[in-house]
Amino acid sequence: MPEDEERPRQRGAYAKGIARRQEILDRAIEVFAARGADRTSLRAIAREVGVTHAALTHYFGSLEELLIAVYAESNAPRHRPESQLDDATPVERMIASARTNRAVPGLVQLYSTLVASALEDGHPAAREFATVRFAEIRAGIADAVRQQQTSGRIRTDVDPDAVAALVVAASDGLQTQWLLDDSAPQHEALALLDRLLRPVG
């Protein structure tokens, strides 16, 4: 077969593979949003998603890689309305995110599982995921704090990097409390933090 005929066929197969992976990922998000990331096998998840174990392994390799892919996809901007809040303070974004997360407790539990795994030996993918995620979020929040200090929305006597670490710690810690006890004042505590970071007067 001529080479120019082979290339379109390869591109077509590649595009179908990408579409199939996305299809599986979308279904997996629905499954995890409903039931969380209980310690289970890739084979059991494949049954719930409605694909073969071989197909799931082909596209994601391992259970940990699947969990990371599901969390990353579920947090893409198109799934997160708070990402459109251009003028919000970092804490206001976290409050909006917490509201979104209340509708998908399974994905919140999945995230907590990944972070817990990152602290254990033998989970390099989870460790890289958590380390990179925390670094990127802190950097993004610190940049937003600097901008809003300039515009007068956040007090200028606080270190942006420290604020970023505090906002992430508060958000994740309160999220964990909410998973264990849904009466924990998650939104109220974040709103208090937001007020504390505002300029005095």
N, C-alpha and C. Protein backbone atom coordinates (compact mmCIF):
# COMPACT_ATOMS: atom_id res chain seq x y z
N MET A 1 0.84 -1.20 0.00
CA MET A 1 0.00 0.00 0.00
C MET A 1 0.89 1.25 0.00
N PRO A 2 0.56 2.26 -0.84
CA PRO A 2 1.35 3.48 -0.86
C PRO A 2 1.35 4.16 0.50
N GLU A 3 2.47 4.85 0.79
CA GLU A 3 2.63 5.47 2.10
C GLU A 3 1.56 6.52 2.37
N ASP A 4 1.16 7.28 1.32
CA ASP A 4 0.17 8.34 1.54
C ASP A 4 -1.22 7.79 1.86
N GLU A 5 -1.47 6.52 1.51
CA GLU A 5 -2.73 5.90 1.88
C GLU A 5 -2.67 5.35 3.30
N GLU A 6 -1.49 4.95 3.72
CA GLU A 6 -1.32 4.38 5.06
C GLU A 6 -1.48 5.45 6.14
N ARG A 7 -0.99 6.67 5.87
CA ARG A 7 -1.03 7.72 6.89
C ARG A 7 -2.45 8.10 7.29
N PRO A 8 -3.38 8.34 6.34
CA PRO A 8 -4.75 8.66 6.76
C PRO A 8 -5.36 7.54 7.59
N ARG A 9 -5.04 6.30 7.27
CA ARG A 9 -5.58 5.17 8.03
C ARG A 9 -5.05 5.21 9.47
N GLN A 10 -3.75 5.51 9.62
CA GLN A 10 -3.16 5.58 10.95
C GLN A 10 -3.77 6.73 11.75
N ARG A 11 -3.96 7.88 11.07
CA ARG A 11 -4.56 9.03 11.75
C ARG A 11 -5.98 8.71 12.19
N GLY A 12 -6.71 7.99 11.34
CA GLY A 12 -8.09 7.61 11.68
C GLY A 12 -8.14 6.69 12.88
N ALA A 13 -7.23 5.73 12.93
CA ALA A 13 -7.19 4.80 14.06
C ALA A 13 -6.80 5.54 15.34
N TYR A 14 -5.88 6.49 15.22
CA TYR A 14 -5.44 7.26 16.38
C TYR A 14 -6.60 8.10 16.92
N ALA A 15 -7.33 8.75 16.02
CA ALA A 15 -8.46 9.58 16.43
C ALA A 15 -9.54 8.74 17.11
N LYS A 16 -9.77 7.54 16.58
CA LYS A 16 -10.75 6.65 17.20
C LYS A 16 -10.30 6.22 18.59
N GLY A 17 -8.99 5.98 18.73
CA GLY A 17 -8.45 5.61 20.04
C GLY A 17 -8.63 6.72 21.06
N ILE A 18 -8.37 7.96 20.63
CA ILE A 18 -8.54 9.12 21.52
C ILE A 18 -10.00 9.25 21.93
N ALA A 19 -10.91 9.09 20.97
CA ALA A 19 -12.34 9.21 21.25
C ALA A 19 -12.79 8.11 22.21
N ARG A 20 -12.28 6.90 21.99
CA ARG A 20 -12.66 5.77 22.86
C ARG A 20 -12.16 5.99 24.28
N ARG A 21 -10.94 6.47 24.41
CA ARG A 21 -10.39 6.75 25.75
C ARG A 21 -11.23 7.79 26.46
N GLN A 22 -11.64 8.84 25.74
CA GLN A 22 -12.45 9.90 26.34
C GLN A 22 -13.82 9.35 26.76
N GLU A 23 -14.36 8.48 25.92
CA GLU A 23 -15.65 7.85 26.23
C GLU A 23 -15.57 7.07 27.54
N ILE A 24 -14.51 6.27 27.68
CA ILE A 24 -14.30 5.49 28.90
C ILE A 24 -14.10 6.42 30.09
N LEU A 25 -13.33 7.47 29.88
CA LEU A 25 -13.04 8.42 30.96
C LEU A 25 -14.32 9.12 31.43
N ASP A 26 -15.17 9.53 30.50
CA ASP A 26 -16.42 10.20 30.86
C ASP A 26 -17.30 9.27 31.71
N ARG A 27 -17.35 8.00 31.31
CA ARG A 27 -18.15 7.03 32.06
C ARG A 27 -17.53 6.78 33.44
N ALA A 28 -16.20 6.71 33.49
CA ALA A 28 -15.52 6.48 34.76
C ALA A 28 -15.77 7.64 35.73
N ILE A 29 -15.82 8.88 35.21
CA ILE A 29 -16.12 10.03 36.05
C ILE A 29 -17.49 9.87 36.69
N GLU A 30 -18.47 9.43 35.92
CA GLU A 30 -19.82 9.21 36.46
C GLU A 30 -19.80 8.17 37.57
N VAL A 31 -19.05 7.09 37.34
CA VAL A 31 -18.97 6.02 38.33
C VAL A 31 -18.32 6.51 39.61
N PHE A 32 -17.18 7.20 39.49
CA PHE A 32 -16.47 7.66 40.68
C PHE A 32 -17.21 8.78 41.39
N ALA A 33 -17.91 9.63 40.64
CA ALA A 33 -18.68 10.71 41.26
C ALA A 33 -19.77 10.11 42.16
N ALA A 34 -20.31 8.97 41.75
CA ALA A 34 -21.39 8.34 42.50
C ALA A 34 -20.88 7.49 43.66
N ARG A 35 -19.74 6.83 43.49
CA ARG A 35 -19.34 5.86 44.51
C ARG A 35 -17.98 6.08 45.12
N GLY A 36 -17.22 7.07 44.65
CA GLY A 36 -15.92 7.32 45.23
C GLY A 36 -14.87 6.34 44.74
N ALA A 37 -13.74 6.34 45.43
CA ALA A 37 -12.59 5.52 45.01
C ALA A 37 -12.28 4.46 46.05
N ASP A 38 -13.30 3.69 46.41
CA ASP A 38 -13.07 2.61 47.35
C ASP A 38 -11.96 1.72 46.83
N ARG A 39 -11.18 1.18 47.76
CA ARG A 39 -10.09 0.29 47.38
C ARG A 39 -10.67 -0.91 46.63
N THR A 40 -10.54 -0.89 45.35
CA THR A 40 -11.10 -1.96 44.54
C THR A 40 -10.17 -2.22 43.37
N SER A 41 -10.49 -3.20 42.56
CA SER A 41 -9.61 -3.59 41.47
C SER A 41 -9.99 -2.89 40.17
N LEU A 42 -9.03 -2.84 39.28
CA LEU A 42 -9.29 -2.30 37.95
C LEU A 42 -10.34 -3.14 37.24
N ARG A 43 -10.32 -4.43 37.50
CA ARG A 43 -11.29 -5.34 36.88
C ARG A 43 -12.71 -5.00 37.32
N ALA A 44 -12.89 -4.72 38.62
CA ALA A 44 -14.22 -4.38 39.12
C ALA A 44 -14.70 -3.05 38.54
N ILE A 45 -13.79 -2.10 38.42
CA ILE A 45 -14.15 -0.80 37.85
C ILE A 45 -14.52 -0.96 36.37
N ALA A 46 -13.77 -1.80 35.67
CA ALA A 46 -14.07 -2.05 34.25
C ALA A 46 -15.52 -2.53 34.10
N ARG A 47 -15.94 -3.42 35.00
CA ARG A 47 -17.33 -3.92 34.94
C ARG A 47 -18.32 -2.79 35.12
N GLU A 48 -18.04 -1.90 36.10
CA GLU A 48 -18.96 -0.79 36.35
C GLU A 48 -18.98 0.21 35.20
N VAL A 49 -17.82 0.44 34.60
CA VAL A 49 -17.74 1.38 33.48
C VAL A 49 -18.35 0.78 32.23
N GLY A 50 -18.35 -0.56 32.14
CA GLY A 50 -18.94 -1.22 30.99
C GLY A 50 -17.96 -1.53 29.88
N VAL A 51 -16.69 -1.77 30.25
CA VAL A 51 -15.67 -2.14 29.26
C VAL A 51 -14.92 -3.36 29.79
N THR A 52 -14.10 -3.93 28.95
CA THR A 52 -13.31 -5.07 29.38
C THR A 52 -12.13 -4.60 30.22
N HIS A 53 -11.62 -5.50 31.03
CA HIS A 53 -10.44 -5.19 31.83
C HIS A 53 -9.27 -4.86 30.91
N ALA A 54 -9.17 -5.57 29.79
CA ALA A 54 -8.08 -5.34 28.84
C ALA A 54 -8.16 -3.93 28.26
N ALA A 55 -9.36 -3.46 27.96
CA ALA A 55 -9.53 -2.11 27.40
C ALA A 55 -9.11 -1.05 28.42
N LEU A 56 -9.51 -1.24 29.67
CA LEU A 56 -9.15 -0.27 30.70
C LEU A 56 -7.64 -0.24 30.91
N THR A 57 -7.03 -1.41 30.92
CA THR A 57 -5.57 -1.50 31.08
C THR A 57 -4.85 -0.88 29.90
N HIS A 58 -5.39 -1.08 28.70
CA HIS A 58 -4.77 -0.53 27.49
C HIS A 58 -4.71 0.99 27.55
N TYR A 59 -5.80 1.61 27.99
CA TYR A 59 -5.86 3.07 27.96
C TYR A 59 -5.26 3.74 29.21
N PHE A 60 -5.26 3.03 30.34
CA PHE A 60 -4.83 3.70 31.58
C PHE A 60 -3.70 2.99 32.33
N GLY A 61 -3.43 1.76 32.00
CA GLY A 61 -2.26 1.09 32.57
C GLY A 61 -2.45 0.52 33.96
N SER A 62 -2.89 1.35 34.90
CA SER A 62 -3.04 0.88 36.28
C SER A 62 -4.21 1.61 36.94
N LEU A 63 -4.63 1.10 38.08
CA LEU A 63 -5.72 1.73 38.82
C LEU A 63 -5.34 3.16 39.21
N GLU A 64 -4.12 3.35 39.67
CA GLU A 64 -3.68 4.68 40.08
C GLU A 64 -3.70 5.66 38.91
N GLU A 65 -3.25 5.22 37.75
CA GLU A 65 -3.26 6.09 36.57
C GLU A 65 -4.69 6.43 36.16
N LEU A 66 -5.60 5.49 36.31
CA LEU A 66 -7.01 5.76 36.01
C LEU A 66 -7.56 6.80 36.97
N LEU A 67 -7.29 6.65 38.26
CA LEU A 67 -7.78 7.61 39.25
C LEU A 67 -7.27 9.02 38.95
N ILE A 68 -6.00 9.11 38.59
CA ILE A 68 -5.41 10.42 38.27
C ILE A 68 -6.08 11.02 37.04
N ALA A 69 -6.29 10.19 36.02
CA ALA A 69 -6.93 10.67 34.79
C ALA A 69 -8.36 11.13 35.06
N VAL A 70 -9.09 10.37 35.87
CA VAL A 70 -10.47 10.74 36.21
C VAL A 70 -10.49 12.07 36.96
N TYR A 71 -9.60 12.23 37.94
CA TYR A 71 -9.60 13.48 38.71
C TYR A 71 -9.19 14.66 37.82
N ALA A 72 -8.16 14.47 37.01
CA ALA A 72 -7.70 15.56 36.13
C ALA A 72 -8.80 15.98 35.16
N GLU A 73 -9.49 15.00 34.57
CA GLU A 73 -10.55 15.32 33.62
C GLU A 73 -11.73 15.99 34.31
N SER A 74 -12.09 15.51 35.49
CA SER A 74 -13.24 16.09 36.20
C SER A 74 -12.95 17.51 36.66
N ASN A 75 -11.67 17.90 36.72
CA ASN A 75 -11.30 19.25 37.12
C ASN A 75 -10.92 20.14 35.95
N ALA A 76 -11.14 19.66 34.74
CA ALA A 76 -10.90 20.50 33.57
C ALA A 76 -11.84 21.70 33.62
N PRO A 77 -11.42 22.86 33.11
CA PRO A 77 -12.25 24.08 33.21
C PRO A 77 -13.70 23.90 32.76
N ARG A 78 -13.94 23.06 31.75
CA ARG A 78 -15.33 22.92 31.27
C ARG A 78 -16.23 22.26 32.31
N HIS A 79 -15.64 21.55 33.28
CA HIS A 79 -16.42 20.91 34.33
C HIS A 79 -16.48 21.74 35.60
N ARG A 80 -15.74 22.86 35.65
CA ARG A 80 -15.63 23.64 36.87
C ARG A 80 -16.09 25.07 36.65
N PRO A 81 -17.34 25.39 36.99
CA PRO A 81 -17.86 26.76 36.77
C PRO A 81 -17.05 27.83 37.49
N GLU A 82 -16.43 27.48 38.63
CA GLU A 82 -15.69 28.50 39.37
C GLU A 82 -14.46 28.99 38.62
N SER A 83 -14.02 28.22 37.61
CA SER A 83 -12.84 28.64 36.84
C SER A 83 -13.15 29.88 35.99
N GLN A 84 -14.45 30.19 35.85
CA GLN A 84 -14.85 31.37 35.07
C GLN A 84 -14.97 32.63 35.93
N LEU A 85 -14.70 32.51 37.23
CA LEU A 85 -14.83 33.66 38.13
C LEU A 85 -13.57 34.51 38.07
N ASP A 86 -13.45 35.31 37.03
CA ASP A 86 -12.22 36.05 36.78
C ASP A 86 -11.88 37.05 37.88
N ASP A 87 -12.89 37.67 38.48
CA ASP A 87 -12.63 38.75 39.43
C ASP A 87 -12.69 38.27 40.89
N ALA A 88 -12.83 36.97 41.10
CA ALA A 88 -12.97 36.45 42.46
C ALA A 88 -11.61 36.39 43.16
N THR A 89 -11.65 36.52 44.48
CA THR A 89 -10.42 36.31 45.25
C THR A 89 -10.15 34.80 45.28
N PRO A 90 -8.91 34.40 45.62
CA PRO A 90 -8.61 32.96 45.69
C PRO A 90 -9.53 32.20 46.63
N VAL A 91 -9.89 32.82 47.76
CA VAL A 91 -10.77 32.12 48.69
C VAL A 91 -12.19 32.03 48.13
N GLU A 92 -12.65 33.07 47.45
CA GLU A 92 -13.97 33.01 46.82
C GLU A 92 -14.03 31.88 45.80
N ARG A 93 -12.94 31.67 45.09
CA ARG A 93 -12.88 30.55 44.14
C ARG A 93 -12.98 29.22 44.89
N MET A 94 -12.30 29.12 46.03
CA MET A 94 -12.35 27.89 46.80
C MET A 94 -13.77 27.64 47.34
N ILE A 95 -14.45 28.70 47.73
CA ILE A 95 -15.83 28.56 48.21
C ILE A 95 -16.72 28.04 47.07
N ALA A 96 -16.55 28.61 45.88
CA ALA A 96 -17.33 28.15 44.72
C ALA A 96 -16.99 26.70 44.39
N SER A 97 -15.70 26.36 44.50
CA SER A 97 -15.27 24.98 44.24
C SER A 97 -15.89 24.02 45.24
N ALA A 98 -15.95 24.44 46.51
CA ALA A 98 -16.54 23.60 47.55
C ALA A 98 -18.01 23.33 47.25
N ARG A 99 -18.71 24.36 46.74
CA ARG A 99 -20.12 24.16 46.38
C ARG A 99 -20.26 23.15 45.25
N THR A 100 -19.39 23.25 44.25
CA THR A 100 -19.40 22.29 43.15
C THR A 100 -19.12 20.88 43.66
N ASN A 101 -18.15 20.77 44.56
CA ASN A 101 -17.74 19.46 45.07
C ASN A 101 -18.81 18.77 45.89
N ARG A 102 -19.68 19.55 46.52
CA ARG A 102 -20.75 18.94 47.33
C ARG A 102 -21.68 18.09 46.48
N ALA A 103 -21.74 18.38 45.18
CA ALA A 103 -22.59 17.60 44.28
C ALA A 103 -21.92 16.31 43.82
N VAL A 104 -20.60 16.20 44.04
CA VAL A 104 -19.87 15.01 43.58
C VAL A 104 -18.94 14.50 44.69
N PRO A 105 -19.52 14.08 45.82
CA PRO A 105 -18.68 13.65 46.94
C PRO A 105 -17.74 12.50 46.60
N GLY A 106 -18.13 11.68 45.64
CA GLY A 106 -17.26 10.57 45.24
C GLY A 106 -15.94 11.05 44.66
N LEU A 107 -15.98 12.15 43.89
CA LEU A 107 -14.75 12.69 43.31
C LEU A 107 -13.89 13.37 44.38
N VAL A 108 -14.54 13.93 45.39
CA VAL A 108 -13.79 14.52 46.51
C VAL A 108 -13.06 13.41 47.26
N GLN A 109 -13.76 12.29 47.46
CA GLN A 109 -13.15 11.15 48.15
C GLN A 109 -12.02 10.56 47.31
N LEU A 110 -12.20 10.55 45.98
CA LEU A 110 -11.15 10.06 45.08
C LEU A 110 -9.89 10.92 45.23
N TYR A 111 -10.07 12.22 45.27
CA TYR A 111 -8.92 13.13 45.44
C TYR A 111 -8.20 12.85 46.77
N SER A 112 -8.97 12.69 47.82
CA SER A 112 -8.38 12.41 49.13
C SER A 112 -7.60 11.10 49.12
N THR A 113 -8.13 10.12 48.40
CA THR A 113 -7.44 8.84 48.27
C THR A 113 -6.11 9.00 47.55
N LEU A 114 -6.09 9.80 46.50
CA LEU A 114 -4.85 10.02 45.75
C LEU A 114 -3.81 10.73 46.61
N VAL A 115 -4.23 11.74 47.37
CA VAL A 115 -3.28 12.46 48.22
C VAL A 115 -2.75 11.54 49.32
N ALA A 116 -3.62 10.72 49.89
CA ALA A 116 -3.17 9.77 50.92
C ALA A 116 -2.17 8.77 50.33
N SER A 117 -2.44 8.30 49.11
CA SER A 117 -1.53 7.36 48.45
C SER A 117 -0.18 8.01 48.18
N ALA A 118 -0.19 9.30 47.89
CA ALA A 118 1.06 10.01 47.58
C ALA A 118 2.01 10.02 48.77
N LEU A 119 1.48 9.86 49.97
CA LEU A 119 2.30 9.88 51.17
C LEU A 119 2.89 8.51 51.50
N GLU A 120 2.44 7.49 50.76
CA GLU A 120 2.91 6.13 51.00
C GLU A 120 4.00 5.76 50.01
N ASP A 121 4.86 4.84 50.41
CA ASP A 121 5.87 4.32 49.48
C ASP A 121 5.19 3.47 48.41
N GLY A 122 5.79 3.43 47.25
CA GLY A 122 5.29 2.57 46.19
C GLY A 122 4.18 3.16 45.35
N HIS A 123 3.97 4.47 45.45
CA HIS A 123 2.92 5.12 44.65
C HIS A 123 3.50 6.34 43.93
N PRO A 124 4.46 6.12 43.03
CA PRO A 124 5.13 7.25 42.38
C PRO A 124 4.19 8.12 41.55
N ALA A 125 3.20 7.51 40.89
CA ALA A 125 2.29 8.30 40.06
C ALA A 125 1.45 9.24 40.93
N ALA A 126 0.94 8.72 42.05
CA ALA A 126 0.15 9.55 42.96
C ALA A 126 1.01 10.65 43.59
N ARG A 127 2.25 10.30 43.94
CA ARG A 127 3.14 11.30 44.54
C ARG A 127 3.43 12.43 43.55
N GLU A 128 3.70 12.08 42.31
CA GLU A 128 3.97 13.12 41.30
C GLU A 128 2.73 13.97 41.07
N PHE A 129 1.57 13.31 40.97
CA PHE A 129 0.32 14.03 40.78
C PHE A 129 0.10 15.06 41.88
N ALA A 130 0.20 14.62 43.15
CA ALA A 130 -0.07 15.51 44.28
C ALA A 130 0.97 16.62 44.38
N THR A 131 2.24 16.27 44.19
CA THR A 131 3.31 17.26 44.31
C THR A 131 3.16 18.35 43.25
N VAL A 132 2.94 17.93 42.00
CA VAL A 132 2.79 18.90 40.90
C VAL A 132 1.52 19.73 41.10
N ARG A 133 0.44 19.07 41.49
CA ARG A 133 -0.83 19.79 41.66
C ARG A 133 -0.70 20.87 42.74
N PHE A 134 -0.14 20.52 43.89
CA PHE A 134 0.00 21.50 44.96
C PHE A 134 0.89 22.66 44.53
N ALA A 135 1.99 22.36 43.84
CA ALA A 135 2.91 23.41 43.40
C ALA A 135 2.22 24.35 42.41
N GLU A 136 1.47 23.79 41.47
CA GLU A 136 0.80 24.62 40.45
C GLU A 136 -0.30 25.47 41.08
N ILE A 137 -1.06 24.88 41.98
CA ILE A 137 -2.14 25.64 42.61
C ILE A 137 -1.59 26.76 43.48
N ARG A 138 -0.54 26.45 44.26
CA ARG A 138 0.06 27.50 45.09
C ARG A 138 0.59 28.64 44.23
N ALA A 139 1.26 28.30 43.12
CA ALA A 139 1.80 29.33 42.24
C ALA A 139 0.69 30.19 41.65
N GLY A 140 -0.39 29.56 41.22
CA GLY A 140 -1.51 30.30 40.64
C GLY A 140 -2.18 31.22 41.66
N ILE A 141 -2.37 30.71 42.87
CA ILE A 141 -2.99 31.52 43.92
C ILE A 141 -2.08 32.68 44.31
N ALA A 142 -0.78 32.40 44.45
CA ALA A 142 0.16 33.47 44.81
C ALA A 142 0.15 34.59 43.77
N ASP A 143 0.10 34.24 42.50
CA ASP A 143 0.02 35.25 41.44
C ASP A 143 -1.26 36.08 41.57
N ALA A 144 -2.38 35.39 41.84
CA ALA A 144 -3.65 36.09 41.99
C ALA A 144 -3.62 37.02 43.19
N VAL A 145 -3.00 36.58 44.28
CA VAL A 145 -2.89 37.41 45.48
C VAL A 145 -2.09 38.68 45.17
N ARG A 146 -0.97 38.53 44.47
CA ARG A 146 -0.15 39.71 44.13
C ARG A 146 -0.97 40.71 43.31
N GLN A 147 -1.72 40.20 42.33
CA GLN A 147 -2.53 41.09 41.49
C GLN A 147 -3.59 41.80 42.33
N GLN A 148 -4.21 41.06 43.24
CA GLN A 148 -5.30 41.66 44.02
C GLN A 148 -4.78 42.51 45.17
N GLN A 149 -3.54 42.31 45.56
CA GLN A 149 -2.92 43.26 46.49
C GLN A 149 -2.72 44.60 45.79
N THR A 150 -2.32 44.54 44.53
CA THR A 150 -2.11 45.77 43.75
C THR A 150 -3.42 46.52 43.53
N SER A 151 -4.50 45.76 43.32
CA SER A 151 -5.80 46.40 43.06
C SER A 151 -6.55 46.74 44.35
N GLY A 152 -5.97 46.39 45.50
CA GLY A 152 -6.58 46.75 46.77
C GLY A 152 -7.61 45.78 47.30
N ARG A 153 -7.70 44.57 46.75
CA ARG A 153 -8.71 43.61 47.20
C ARG A 153 -8.19 42.71 48.31
N ILE A 154 -6.86 42.58 48.41
CA ILE A 154 -6.25 41.76 49.46
C ILE A 154 -5.22 42.62 50.19
N ARG A 155 -5.15 42.47 51.48
CA ARG A 155 -4.22 43.27 52.28
C ARG A 155 -2.79 43.07 51.82
N THR A 156 -1.99 44.11 51.93
CA THR A 156 -0.63 44.08 51.39
C THR A 156 0.42 43.63 52.40
N ASP A 157 0.02 43.42 53.65
CA ASP A 157 0.99 43.04 54.67
C ASP A 157 1.08 41.52 54.86
N VAL A 158 0.63 40.76 53.86
CA VAL A 158 0.72 39.30 53.92
C VAL A 158 1.54 38.80 52.74
N ASP A 159 2.30 37.74 52.97
CA ASP A 159 3.15 37.17 51.92
C ASP A 159 2.29 36.31 50.98
N PRO A 160 2.30 36.60 49.67
CA PRO A 160 1.46 35.87 48.73
C PRO A 160 1.69 34.35 48.74
N ASP A 161 2.94 33.92 48.85
CA ASP A 161 3.21 32.48 48.86
C ASP A 161 2.66 31.81 50.11
N ALA A 162 2.76 32.51 51.24
CA ALA A 162 2.21 31.97 52.49
C ALA A 162 0.69 31.93 52.42
N VAL A 163 0.09 32.97 51.86
CA VAL A 163 -1.37 32.99 51.69
C VAL A 163 -1.81 31.82 50.83
N ALA A 164 -1.09 31.57 49.74
CA ALA A 164 -1.44 30.48 48.84
C ALA A 164 -1.41 29.14 49.57
N ALA A 165 -0.36 28.90 50.34
CA ALA A 165 -0.25 27.64 51.09
C ALA A 165 -1.38 27.53 52.11
N LEU A 166 -1.72 28.65 52.76
CA LEU A 166 -2.79 28.65 53.76
C LEU A 166 -4.15 28.37 53.12
N VAL A 167 -4.41 28.98 51.97
CA VAL A 167 -5.70 28.78 51.29
C VAL A 167 -5.86 27.31 50.88
N VAL A 168 -4.80 26.72 50.34
CA VAL A 168 -4.87 25.31 49.95
C VAL A 168 -5.08 24.43 51.18
N ALA A 169 -4.33 24.70 52.24
CA ALA A 169 -4.46 23.90 53.46
C ALA A 169 -5.88 24.01 54.04
N ALA A 170 -6.42 25.22 54.07
CA ALA A 170 -7.77 25.42 54.60
C ALA A 170 -8.80 24.70 53.74
N SER A 171 -8.67 24.85 52.44
CA SER A 171 -9.63 24.23 51.53
C SER A 171 -9.62 22.71 51.65
N ASP A 172 -8.43 22.12 51.59
CA ASP A 172 -8.33 20.66 51.65
C ASP A 172 -8.72 20.13 53.03
N GLY A 173 -8.28 20.82 54.08
CA GLY A 173 -8.61 20.37 55.43
C GLY A 173 -10.10 20.43 55.70
N LEU A 174 -10.74 21.51 55.29
CA LEU A 174 -12.18 21.64 55.49
C LEU A 174 -12.95 20.64 54.64
N GLN A 175 -12.42 20.34 53.47
CA GLN A 175 -13.04 19.35 52.60
C GLN A 175 -13.02 17.97 53.26
N THR A 176 -11.90 17.64 53.90
CA THR A 176 -11.80 16.36 54.61
C THR A 176 -12.79 16.32 55.77
N GLN A 177 -12.88 17.43 56.52
CA GLN A 177 -13.85 17.48 57.62
C GLN A 177 -15.27 17.28 57.10
N TRP A 178 -15.58 17.89 55.95
CA TRP A 178 -16.92 17.75 55.38
C TRP A 178 -17.20 16.31 54.96
N LEU A 179 -16.19 15.62 54.40
CA LEU A 179 -16.38 14.22 54.02
C LEU A 179 -16.75 13.37 55.24
N LEU A 180 -16.15 13.69 56.38
CA LEU A 180 -16.41 12.93 57.60
C LEU A 180 -17.67 13.37 58.33
N ASP A 181 -18.01 14.66 58.17
CA ASP A 181 -19.16 15.22 58.88
C ASP A 181 -19.70 16.38 58.06
N ASP A 182 -20.81 16.16 57.37
CA ASP A 182 -21.29 17.19 56.45
C ASP A 182 -21.88 18.41 57.15
N SER A 183 -21.86 18.41 58.50
CA SER A 183 -22.30 19.61 59.22
C SER A 183 -21.13 20.54 59.53
N ALA A 184 -19.91 20.13 59.19
CA ALA A 184 -18.73 20.99 59.41
C ALA A 184 -18.91 22.30 58.65
N PRO A 185 -18.61 23.46 59.27
CA PRO A 185 -18.87 24.76 58.64
C PRO A 185 -17.83 25.10 57.56
N GLN A 186 -17.85 24.36 56.49
CA GLN A 186 -16.84 24.52 55.42
C GLN A 186 -16.90 25.90 54.78
N HIS A 187 -18.06 26.28 54.30
CA HIS A 187 -18.20 27.57 53.61
C HIS A 187 -17.97 28.74 54.57
N GLU A 188 -18.49 28.60 55.79
CA GLU A 188 -18.36 29.67 56.77
C GLU A 188 -16.89 29.91 57.14
N ALA A 189 -16.14 28.82 57.29
CA ALA A 189 -14.72 28.96 57.64
C ALA A 189 -13.93 29.60 56.50
N LEU A 190 -14.24 29.21 55.27
CA LEU A 190 -13.56 29.81 54.12
C LEU A 190 -13.94 31.29 53.98
N ALA A 191 -15.21 31.60 54.24
CA ALA A 191 -15.65 33.01 54.18
C ALA A 191 -14.92 33.84 55.24
N LEU A 192 -14.69 33.25 56.42
CA LEU A 192 -13.94 33.94 57.47
C LEU A 192 -12.51 34.21 57.01
N LEU A 193 -11.88 33.22 56.40
CA LEU A 193 -10.53 33.40 55.89
C LEU A 193 -10.48 34.52 54.85
N ASP A 194 -11.51 34.55 53.99
CA ASP A 194 -11.56 35.59 52.96
C ASP A 194 -11.62 36.97 53.61
N ARG A 195 -12.43 37.11 54.68
CA ARG A 195 -12.55 38.41 55.35
C ARG A 195 -11.22 38.79 56.01
N LEU A 196 -10.54 37.82 56.57
CA LEU A 196 -9.27 38.11 57.24
C LEU A 196 -8.19 38.60 56.26
N LEU A 197 -8.33 38.20 55.01
CA LEU A 197 -7.34 38.60 54.00
C LEU A 197 -7.68 39.92 53.30
N ARG A 198 -8.88 40.44 53.59
CA ARG A 198 -9.28 41.71 52.98
C ARG A 198 -8.58 42.89 53.68
N PRO A 199 -8.38 43.99 52.98
CA PRO A 199 -7.79 45.18 53.62
C PRO A 199 -8.65 45.66 54.79
N VAL A 200 -8.01 46.14 55.81
CA VAL A 200 -8.73 46.64 56.99
C VAL A 200 -9.34 48.00 56.66
N GLY A 201 -10.58 48.20 57.10
CA GLY A 201 -11.21 49.50 56.93
C GLY A 201 -12.01 49.62 55.65
